[in-house]
Protein backbone atom coordinates (compact mmCIF):
# COMPACT_ATOMS: atom_id res chain seq x y z
CA MET A 1 2.54 24.41 20.99
CA GLY A 2 -0.03 23.37 23.63
CA LYS A 3 -0.06 24.21 27.36
CA PHE A 4 3.39 24.24 28.89
CA ILE A 5 4.14 21.29 31.17
CA ASP A 6 7.30 21.23 33.25
CA ARG A 7 8.80 17.75 32.70
CA VAL A 8 12.04 18.26 34.60
CA GLY A 9 12.65 15.27 36.89
CA LEU A 10 10.02 13.12 35.21
CA ARG A 11 10.92 9.62 33.96
CA TYR A 12 9.92 8.30 30.64
CA GLY A 13 11.09 4.77 30.05
CA ARG A 14 14.88 4.93 30.39
CA LEU A 15 14.89 8.65 30.16
CA VAL A 16 14.90 11.22 33.03
CA VAL A 17 14.26 14.73 32.00
CA LEU A 18 17.15 17.15 32.93
CA SER A 19 16.16 20.60 31.53
CA ASN A 20 14.10 22.49 29.03
CA ALA A 21 15.95 22.63 25.67
CA GLY A 22 13.80 25.27 23.97
CA VAL A 23 11.88 24.57 20.80
CA SER A 24 12.70 22.97 17.45
CA PRO A 25 12.43 24.76 14.14
CA GLY A 26 9.06 23.16 13.86
CA LYS A 27 8.05 24.87 17.08
CA LYS A 28 8.02 21.71 19.12
CA ARG A 29 9.05 21.76 22.76
CA LEU A 30 12.44 20.09 23.32
CA TRP A 31 13.65 18.45 26.62
CA LYS A 32 17.26 17.40 27.48
CA CYS A 33 17.19 13.93 28.96
CA LEU A 34 19.60 11.57 30.67
CA CYS A 35 19.38 7.90 29.59
CA SER A 36 19.92 5.10 32.01
CA CYS A 37 22.91 4.05 29.96
CA GLY A 38 24.58 7.50 30.80
CA LYS A 39 24.06 9.18 27.48
CA GLU A 40 22.23 12.48 27.08
CA THR A 41 19.80 13.14 24.38
CA THR A 42 17.18 15.73 23.37
CA VAL A 43 13.62 14.63 22.77
CA THR A 44 10.35 16.48 21.81
CA ALA A 45 7.72 16.72 24.37
CA GLY A 46 5.34 14.88 22.09
CA SER A 47 7.60 11.82 21.78
CA LEU A 48 8.02 11.63 25.51
CA ALA A 49 4.27 11.99 26.16
CA THR A 50 3.25 9.32 23.62
CA GLY A 51 6.07 6.92 24.51
CA ASN A 52 7.50 7.05 21.05
CA THR A 53 10.96 7.74 22.63
CA ILE A 54 11.86 5.79 25.73
CA SER A 55 15.68 5.79 25.47
CA CYS A 56 18.61 7.51 23.64
CA GLY A 57 18.44 4.55 21.24
CA CYS A 58 20.18 1.94 23.34
CA TYR A 59 16.94 0.06 24.10
CA HIS A 60 16.31 -0.58 20.39
CA LEU A 61 19.94 -1.30 19.70
CA GLY A 62 19.92 -3.94 22.42
CA ARG A 63 16.81 -5.57 20.98
CA ILE A 64 18.21 -5.60 17.43
CA THR A 65 21.48 -7.15 18.56
CA LYS A 66 19.58 -9.82 20.46
CA HIS A 67 17.48 -10.63 17.52
CA GLY A 68 20.04 -10.19 14.74
CA GLY A 69 18.00 -7.59 12.98
CA TRP A 70 20.94 -5.70 11.60
CA LYS A 71 21.38 -8.60 9.06
CA LYS A 72 17.87 -8.43 7.75
CA SER A 73 16.03 -6.21 5.15
CA SER A 74 13.28 -5.63 7.70
CA TYR A 75 15.77 -3.76 9.96
CA ASN A 76 16.84 -1.34 7.23
CA THR A 77 13.22 -0.69 6.38
CA TRP A 78 12.36 -0.12 10.05
CA ARG A 79 15.06 2.36 10.58
CA ALA A 80 14.21 4.19 7.36
CA MET A 81 10.56 4.35 8.48
CA LEU A 82 11.47 5.86 11.82
CA ARG A 83 13.85 8.48 10.30
CA ARG A 84 11.52 9.80 7.73
CA CYS A 85 8.66 10.16 10.23
CA GLN A 86 10.59 11.33 13.23
CA SER A 87 13.99 13.04 12.21
CA PRO A 88 13.57 16.43 10.62
CA LYS A 89 17.13 16.03 9.27
CA ASP A 90 16.06 13.07 7.12
CA LYS A 91 15.75 13.91 3.40
CA ASP A 92 12.27 12.56 3.27
CA TYR A 93 10.89 14.08 6.45
CA ALA A 94 9.12 16.80 4.60
CA ARG A 95 6.97 14.24 2.88
CA TYR A 96 6.23 12.06 5.96
CA GLY A 97 6.80 13.43 9.43
CA ALA A 98 6.12 17.05 8.57
CA LYS A 99 2.81 16.07 7.09
CA GLY A 100 1.72 14.09 10.05
CA ILE A 101 2.69 10.65 9.00
CA THR A 102 3.49 8.78 12.25
CA VAL A 103 4.75 5.35 13.44
CA CYS A 104 2.53 3.59 15.93
CA PRO A 105 3.98 3.24 19.48
CA GLU A 106 4.32 -0.57 19.14
CA TRP A 107 6.58 -0.23 16.17
CA GLN A 108 9.20 1.88 17.93
CA ASP A 109 10.41 -1.58 18.93
CA TYR A 110 12.09 -3.41 16.06
CA ALA A 111 11.23 -6.71 17.50
CA ARG A 112 7.49 -5.92 17.53
CA PHE A 113 7.69 -4.65 13.93
CA VAL A 114 9.23 -7.71 12.55
CA ALA A 115 6.93 -9.95 14.56
CA ASP A 116 4.03 -8.22 12.91
CA MET A 117 5.40 -7.88 9.41
CA GLY A 118 7.98 -10.65 8.91
CA GLU A 119 10.55 -10.20 6.12
CA PRO A 120 9.83 -8.80 2.65
CA GLY A 121 9.78 -10.92 -0.38
CA GLU A 122 12.16 -10.28 -3.34
CA GLY A 123 11.41 -6.84 -4.80
CA GLU A 124 9.04 -5.86 -2.05
CA SER A 125 9.02 -2.87 0.24
CA LEU A 126 6.95 -1.51 2.96
CA ASP A 127 3.62 0.00 1.64
CA ARG A 128 0.90 1.99 3.55
CA ILE A 129 -2.48 0.78 2.27
CA ASN A 130 -4.06 4.10 3.00
CA GLY A 131 -1.56 6.72 2.17
CA GLY A 132 -3.25 9.30 4.43
CA LYS A 133 -2.65 7.20 7.51
CA GLY A 134 0.54 6.33 9.45
CA TYR A 135 2.55 3.16 9.91
CA SER A 136 0.83 0.38 11.78
CA ARG A 137 0.11 -3.30 11.44
CA ASP A 138 -3.43 -2.66 10.09
CA ASN A 139 -2.24 -0.18 7.46
CA CYS A 140 0.87 -1.79 6.14
CA ARG A 141 2.02 -4.63 3.93
CA TRP A 142 4.98 -5.82 1.97
CA ALA A 143 4.29 -5.04 -1.69
CA SER A 144 6.03 -4.88 -5.05
CA ALA A 145 6.52 -1.56 -6.89
CA HIS A 146 3.72 -2.55 -9.25
CA VAL A 147 1.20 -3.11 -6.39
CA GLN A 148 2.33 0.11 -4.76
CA ALA A 149 1.93 2.02 -8.06
CA ILE A 150 -1.62 0.78 -8.39
CA ASN A 151 -2.37 1.78 -4.75
CA SER A 152 -0.91 5.24 -5.21
CA LYS A 153 -3.48 8.08 -5.05
CA ARG A 154 -1.20 10.53 -6.86
CA LYS A 155 -2.07 9.72 -10.51
CA SER A 156 -2.58 12.21 -13.28
CA SER A 157 -4.14 12.03 -16.71
CA THR A 158 -2.06 11.64 -19.78
CA GLY A 159 -4.65 12.32 -22.45
CA HIS A 160 -4.68 8.60 -23.33
CA ARG A 161 -7.60 6.43 -22.34
CA GLY A 162 -6.68 3.98 -19.63
CA VAL A 163 -3.16 5.41 -19.16
CA VAL A 164 -2.07 7.35 -16.06
CA TYR A 165 1.18 8.91 -14.95
CA LEU A 166 2.48 8.17 -11.38
CA PRO A 167 4.51 11.17 -10.18
CA ARG A 168 5.73 9.32 -7.14
CA TYR A 169 7.49 6.77 -9.35
CA LYS A 170 7.95 8.87 -12.46
CA LYS A 171 6.44 6.00 -14.42
CA TRP A 172 3.24 5.13 -16.37
CA LEU A 173 0.55 2.61 -15.84
CA ALA A 174 -2.09 1.20 -18.12
CA SER A 175 -5.41 -0.43 -17.21
CA ILE A 176 -8.72 -1.61 -18.52
CA THR A 177 -12.08 -2.51 -16.88
CA VAL A 178 -14.05 -5.37 -18.32
CA ALA A 179 -17.27 -6.76 -16.86
CA GLY A 180 -16.58 -4.79 -13.62
CA HIS A 181 -13.02 -6.18 -13.17
CA ARG A 182 -10.02 -3.85 -13.62
CA HIS A 183 -6.87 -5.39 -15.23
CA TYR A 184 -3.46 -3.60 -14.99
CA SER A 185 -0.26 -3.68 -17.03
CA SER A 186 3.12 -3.67 -15.45
CA VAL A 187 4.53 -0.33 -14.61
CA GLN A 188 6.12 1.28 -17.72
CA THR A 189 9.09 3.53 -18.07
CA SER A 190 7.69 5.73 -20.93
CA LEU A 191 4.32 7.03 -22.02
CA GLU A 192 4.67 5.26 -25.45
CA ASN A 193 5.22 1.89 -23.76
CA ALA A 194 2.20 2.47 -21.51
CA VAL A 195 0.00 3.33 -24.50
CA ALA A 196 1.25 0.13 -26.20
CA ALA A 197 0.57 -1.76 -22.92
CA ARG A 198 -3.05 -0.39 -23.01
CA LYS A 199 -3.61 -1.71 -26.49
CA GLN A 200 -2.27 -5.13 -25.48
CA LEU A 201 -4.78 -5.12 -22.63
CA GLU A 202 -7.52 -4.41 -25.11
CA LEU A 203 -6.46 -7.25 -27.36
CA GLN A 204 -6.19 -9.59 -24.44
CA TYR A 205 -9.42 -8.82 -22.58
CA LEU A 206 -11.76 -7.12 -24.98
CA GLU A 207 -11.53 -9.77 -27.78
CA ASN A 208 -11.93 -12.57 -25.30
CA PHE A 209 -14.91 -10.75 -23.71
CA TYR A 210 -16.78 -10.37 -27.01
CA GLU A 211 -16.08 -13.81 -28.40
């Protein structure tokens, strides 16, 4: 923890700090706050200081209700993004928030998130282009599982040329590079299928290249 700052009495958006609430299991300073709607909530010092949290949740709920977000895929994606980055109780927090993956301040507001991203296409989900950086307009896109698999940095060798295993998805991917251009197969559910896909890529691209 950094230098202690007494925040009692200070206002952050709709929140007024009531008292020191100790520290979280992750050693983050906690503050008990009163929201303008009348509900009390506990917030980390960092979330208050950065503006990531400005209410007990009622602000976002009001925005979502106004824009009908609860009916859309983008809303479920937005909520899941916030949970895994900001809630230690979330099952995926250890792989995101605990590793420093953050959500930019603008995207604490669902309306801003959907204005930037729109709705996903069929079979698409939210993908960070650079897996080492957080969620922001410049680093995110809607992408299919195939595109995300290609973008994944966590690939391991399988002993077969042009075939890699994708631990994140528990699937395999084949590729081939011809004349400086890399071509990919679809994501495969078994190593055998991926090896076969690599051979198909060889037939498709190498034979045409040498004709």
